[in-house]
Amino acid sequence: MRLDRLLGQHRHWSRRHVRLLLATGQVRVDGQEITDGTFEVLPQHCVEAQDECLQAGRPRHYLMLNKPAGLLSATSDPVHPTVMSLLPPALAQQLHIAGRLDRASTGLLILTNDGNWSRNLTSPTQRKPKTYRVRLAHPIHPDTARVFAQGIHFPFENITTLPAKLELLGEREARLTLYEGRYHQIKRMFGRFRNPVLALHRERMGELWLDDLAEGTYRPLTESEIASV
């Protein structure tokens, strides 16, 4: 609901009074002064005006989940099971996924009901690092790290990937850090060397690292982890 409409529901406030409250900085959402009446108020927002609480808001949730293979990174799907099946239903229905993974991929997923926070984590303009462990079908070509560091041109979209860091872990295994998230980017990058990706496991998003969390389980983020975003 728009903020001005929420304020307009107050039994004693006219539209003119609502505009005055906004213009004079007397409206706060989650403690922040808001003057834009078109601001979209979500159920979890705490809204106050003239020292009145108009909406108490819901608790914010920030979760880290270790995704197993075979589950969709989606809130719901008519055919396939999703990662939300790993959570209590009452909690799952409040959350969205910040940064999806393919169905076959595993590793770090972040779930939250804080839209601004998740946008800061996943927005391409932030260029936050994302680190993956990759297992490949063939030995890694000696030129791979150099080419990834230079960026790879994708002619179909006429774009060049940002420089990426490749760390070799074995003949067919590597750790790759990206600063963007284009469609099937990792598979397409290794596809330049005709080397199919057999397994993809995300370890990091920004300053959030997957710890020893068991596969298929989740935990709340710590205050310092939340603040890092």
Protein backbone atom coordinates (compact mmCIF):
# COMPACT_ATOMS: atom_id res chain seq x y z
CA MET A 1 0.00 0.00 0.00
CA ARG A 2 1.18 3.55 -0.71
CA LEU A 3 2.25 5.52 2.33
CA ASP A 4 -0.18 8.39 1.70
CA ARG A 5 -3.09 5.93 1.48
CA LEU A 6 -2.10 4.31 4.76
CA LEU A 7 -1.95 7.72 6.43
CA GLY A 8 -5.29 8.64 4.87
CA GLN A 9 -6.96 5.79 6.75
CA HIS A 10 -6.48 7.66 10.02
CA ARG A 11 -9.88 8.70 11.29
CA HIS A 12 -8.87 12.30 12.07
CA TRP A 13 -6.54 13.14 9.17
CA SER A 14 -7.67 14.77 5.97
CA ARG A 15 -5.77 14.49 2.69
CA ARG A 16 -4.44 17.99 3.27
CA HIS A 17 -3.19 17.04 6.73
CA VAL A 18 -1.50 13.92 5.31
CA ARG A 19 0.32 16.04 2.72
CA LEU A 20 1.40 18.42 5.50
CA LEU A 21 2.72 15.56 7.63
CA LEU A 22 4.80 14.26 4.73
CA ALA A 23 6.08 17.69 3.68
CA THR A 24 7.18 18.61 7.20
CA GLY A 25 9.03 15.35 7.85
CA GLN A 26 6.68 14.02 10.50
CA VAL A 27 6.35 10.53 9.00
CA ARG A 28 8.86 7.78 9.70
CA VAL A 29 9.14 4.30 8.25
CA ASP A 30 11.43 2.00 10.24
CA GLY A 31 12.81 5.11 11.93
CA GLN A 32 13.67 6.88 8.67
CA GLU A 33 11.97 10.14 7.68
CA ILE A 34 9.91 9.64 4.50
CA THR A 35 8.41 12.56 2.55
CA ASP A 36 7.30 10.67 -0.56
CA GLY A 37 3.67 9.67 -0.35
CA THR A 38 4.11 7.07 -3.09
CA PHE A 39 6.53 5.08 -0.92
CA GLU A 40 5.34 1.46 -0.93
CA VAL A 41 4.64 0.26 2.61
CA LEU A 42 5.13 -3.47 3.21
CA PRO A 43 3.64 -5.48 6.10
CA GLN A 44 7.02 -5.65 7.84
CA HIS A 45 7.45 -1.86 7.90
CA CYS A 46 6.93 0.08 11.12
CA VAL A 47 5.11 3.36 10.30
CA GLU A 48 4.88 6.28 12.71
CA ALA A 49 3.44 9.78 12.33
CA GLN A 50 2.98 12.53 14.93
CA ASP A 51 4.22 10.10 17.58
CA GLU A 52 1.48 7.60 16.69
CA CYS A 53 2.25 4.06 15.57
CA LEU A 54 0.06 3.39 12.54
CA GLN A 55 1.59 0.00 11.72
CA ALA A 56 3.76 -1.98 14.10
CA GLY A 57 5.36 -4.04 11.37
CA ARG A 58 6.56 -7.64 11.35
CA PRO A 59 9.95 -8.91 12.50
CA ARG A 60 12.68 -8.81 9.86
CA HIS A 61 14.20 -12.14 8.88
CA TYR A 62 17.65 -12.72 7.37
CA LEU A 63 18.53 -16.37 6.76
CA MET A 64 21.44 -18.29 5.25
CA LEU A 65 20.52 -21.63 3.65
CA ASN A 66 22.74 -24.35 2.21
CA LYS A 67 20.83 -25.35 -0.91
CA PRO A 68 20.89 -29.00 -2.02
CA ALA A 69 20.71 -29.98 -5.68
CA GLY A 70 17.27 -30.71 -7.12
CA LEU A 71 15.32 -27.87 -5.51
CA LEU A 72 14.20 -24.75 -7.35
CA SER A 73 15.23 -21.32 -6.08
CA ALA A 74 11.63 -20.11 -6.11
CA THR A 75 8.93 -19.25 -3.60
CA SER A 76 6.54 -21.71 -5.27
CA ASP A 77 6.26 -23.96 -8.32
CA PRO A 78 3.39 -26.16 -9.53
CA VAL A 79 5.68 -29.02 -10.56
CA HIS A 80 9.02 -29.04 -8.75
CA PRO A 81 9.84 -28.76 -5.03
CA THR A 82 11.42 -25.48 -3.98
CA VAL A 83 13.87 -24.42 -1.28
CA MET A 84 10.91 -23.05 0.69
CA SER A 85 9.99 -26.65 1.52
CA LEU A 86 13.03 -26.66 3.84
CA LEU A 87 11.45 -23.95 6.04
CA PRO A 88 8.43 -23.90 8.34
CA PRO A 89 5.45 -22.87 6.16
CA ALA A 90 4.55 -19.84 8.30
CA LEU A 91 8.09 -18.50 7.90
CA ALA A 92 8.51 -19.45 4.24
CA GLN A 93 5.47 -17.46 3.11
CA GLN A 94 7.06 -14.25 4.43
CA LEU A 95 10.37 -14.58 2.57
CA HIS A 96 11.89 -14.03 -0.83
CA ILE A 97 15.21 -15.23 -2.26
CA ALA A 98 18.11 -12.82 -2.68
CA GLY A 99 20.18 -14.27 -5.52
CA ARG A 100 18.89 -17.49 -7.06
CA LEU A 101 20.74 -20.65 -8.02
CA ASP A 102 19.96 -23.11 -10.81
CA ARG A 103 18.08 -26.24 -9.81
CA ALA A 104 21.22 -28.40 -10.12
CA SER A 105 23.48 -25.92 -8.29
CA THR A 106 24.16 -26.03 -4.57
CA GLY A 107 25.38 -23.80 -1.79
CA LEU A 108 24.70 -20.36 -0.37
CA LEU A 109 21.20 -18.91 -0.60
CA ILE A 110 20.01 -15.85 1.28
CA LEU A 111 16.34 -15.49 2.25
CA THR A 112 14.80 -12.37 3.75
CA ASN A 113 11.69 -10.20 3.96
CA ASP A 114 13.71 -6.97 3.76
CA GLY A 115 13.49 -5.82 0.15
CA ASN A 116 15.87 -2.84 0.40
CA TRP A 117 18.51 -4.96 2.11
CA SER A 118 18.30 -7.72 -0.51
CA ARG A 119 18.53 -5.18 -3.35
CA ASN A 120 21.77 -3.87 -1.83
CA LEU A 121 23.11 -7.43 -1.78
CA THR A 122 22.15 -8.40 -5.33
CA SER A 123 22.07 -5.17 -7.37
CA PRO A 124 24.54 -5.33 -10.32
CA THR A 125 25.55 -1.73 -9.60
CA GLN A 126 26.99 -2.80 -6.23
CA ARG A 127 29.40 -5.25 -7.92
CA LYS A 128 29.62 -7.41 -4.82
CA PRO A 129 31.82 -10.52 -5.22
CA LYS A 130 30.17 -13.91 -5.65
CA THR A 131 32.41 -16.95 -5.26
CA TYR A 132 31.70 -20.43 -6.62
CA ARG A 133 33.45 -23.78 -6.51
CA VAL A 134 33.28 -25.33 -9.96
CA ARG A 135 33.87 -28.93 -11.07
CA LEU A 136 34.50 -29.46 -14.78
CA ALA A 137 34.33 -32.30 -17.28
CA HIS A 138 37.85 -31.79 -18.65
CA PRO A 139 41.19 -30.48 -17.38
CA ILE A 140 41.20 -26.69 -17.10
CA HIS A 141 42.97 -25.02 -20.02
CA PRO A 142 46.13 -23.09 -19.01
CA ASP A 143 44.75 -19.86 -20.58
CA THR A 144 41.48 -19.92 -18.64
CA ALA A 145 42.50 -17.69 -15.73
CA ARG A 146 44.04 -15.08 -18.04
CA VAL A 147 41.00 -14.96 -20.33
CA PHE A 148 38.58 -14.72 -17.41
CA ALA A 149 40.63 -11.87 -15.91
CA GLN A 150 40.42 -9.96 -19.20
CA GLY A 151 36.67 -10.48 -19.62
CA ILE A 152 34.83 -12.53 -22.25
CA HIS A 153 32.73 -11.01 -25.00
CA PHE A 154 29.25 -12.52 -25.49
CA PRO A 155 28.30 -11.50 -29.04
CA PHE A 156 24.60 -12.37 -28.73
CA GLU A 157 24.05 -9.64 -26.10
CA ASN A 158 27.09 -7.62 -27.28
CA ILE A 159 28.47 -7.47 -23.73
CA THR A 160 31.83 -8.21 -22.16
CA THR A 161 31.99 -9.81 -18.73
CA LEU A 162 33.71 -7.99 -15.90
CA PRO A 163 37.14 -9.34 -14.92
CA ALA A 164 36.78 -12.54 -12.90
CA LYS A 165 39.30 -14.32 -10.68
CA LEU A 166 39.99 -18.03 -11.17
CA GLU A 167 41.85 -20.05 -8.53
CA LEU A 168 42.83 -23.58 -9.51
CA LEU A 169 42.03 -26.23 -6.90
CA GLY A 170 42.86 -29.25 -9.03
CA GLU A 171 43.08 -30.43 -12.61
CA ARG A 172 39.31 -30.16 -13.06
CA GLU A 173 38.24 -28.03 -10.12
CA ALA A 174 38.50 -24.30 -9.46
CA ARG A 175 37.17 -21.44 -7.34
CA LEU A 176 35.74 -18.60 -9.40
CA THR A 177 34.87 -15.10 -8.16
CA LEU A 178 32.52 -12.92 -10.24
CA TYR A 179 31.27 -9.37 -9.78
CA GLU A 180 28.08 -9.76 -11.78
CA GLY A 181 25.47 -12.44 -12.43
CA ARG A 182 24.52 -12.86 -16.07
CA TYR A 183 22.37 -15.69 -17.43
CA HIS A 184 24.23 -19.02 -17.09
CA GLN A 185 27.41 -16.93 -17.00
CA ILE A 186 29.78 -19.51 -15.52
CA LYS A 187 28.69 -22.26 -17.89
CA ARG A 188 29.05 -19.90 -20.83
CA MET A 189 32.50 -18.71 -19.72
CA PHE A 190 33.84 -22.25 -19.47
CA GLY A 191 31.97 -23.03 -22.66
CA ARG A 192 34.46 -20.77 -24.42
CA PHE A 193 36.99 -23.54 -23.70
CA ARG A 194 34.49 -26.32 -24.52
CA ASN A 195 34.64 -27.50 -20.93
CA PRO A 196 31.20 -28.39 -19.50
CA VAL A 197 30.43 -27.53 -15.88
CA LEU A 198 29.49 -30.67 -13.93
CA ALA A 199 28.86 -29.08 -10.53
CA LEU A 200 28.47 -25.53 -9.24
CA HIS A 201 28.52 -24.64 -5.54
CA ARG A 202 28.18 -21.04 -4.30
CA GLU A 203 30.33 -20.21 -1.30
CA ARG A 204 30.04 -16.42 -1.03
CA MET A 205 27.84 -13.38 -1.72
CA GLY A 206 29.40 -10.05 -0.80
CA GLU A 207 30.86 -10.53 2.66
CA LEU A 208 28.53 -13.44 3.43
CA TRP A 209 30.33 -16.80 3.36
CA LEU A 210 28.69 -20.20 3.65
CA ASP A 211 30.02 -21.82 6.82
CA ASP A 212 29.78 -25.47 7.92
CA LEU A 213 25.99 -25.36 7.72
CA ALA A 214 24.70 -28.82 6.82
CA GLU A 215 23.16 -29.21 3.37
CA GLY A 216 19.43 -28.52 3.43
CA THR A 217 19.55 -26.55 6.70
CA TYR A 218 19.47 -22.83 7.48
CA ARG A 219 20.36 -20.36 10.21
CA PRO A 220 19.73 -16.67 10.97
CA LEU A 221 22.45 -14.26 9.91
CA THR A 222 24.39 -12.60 12.70
CA GLU A 223 24.06 -8.87 13.30
CA SER A 224 27.51 -8.27 11.82
CA GLU A 225 26.59 -10.28 8.71
CA ILE A 226 23.42 -8.25 8.25
CA ALA A 227 25.32 -4.99 8.73
CA SER A 228 27.91 -6.01 6.10
CA VAL A 229 25.23 -5.57 3.43
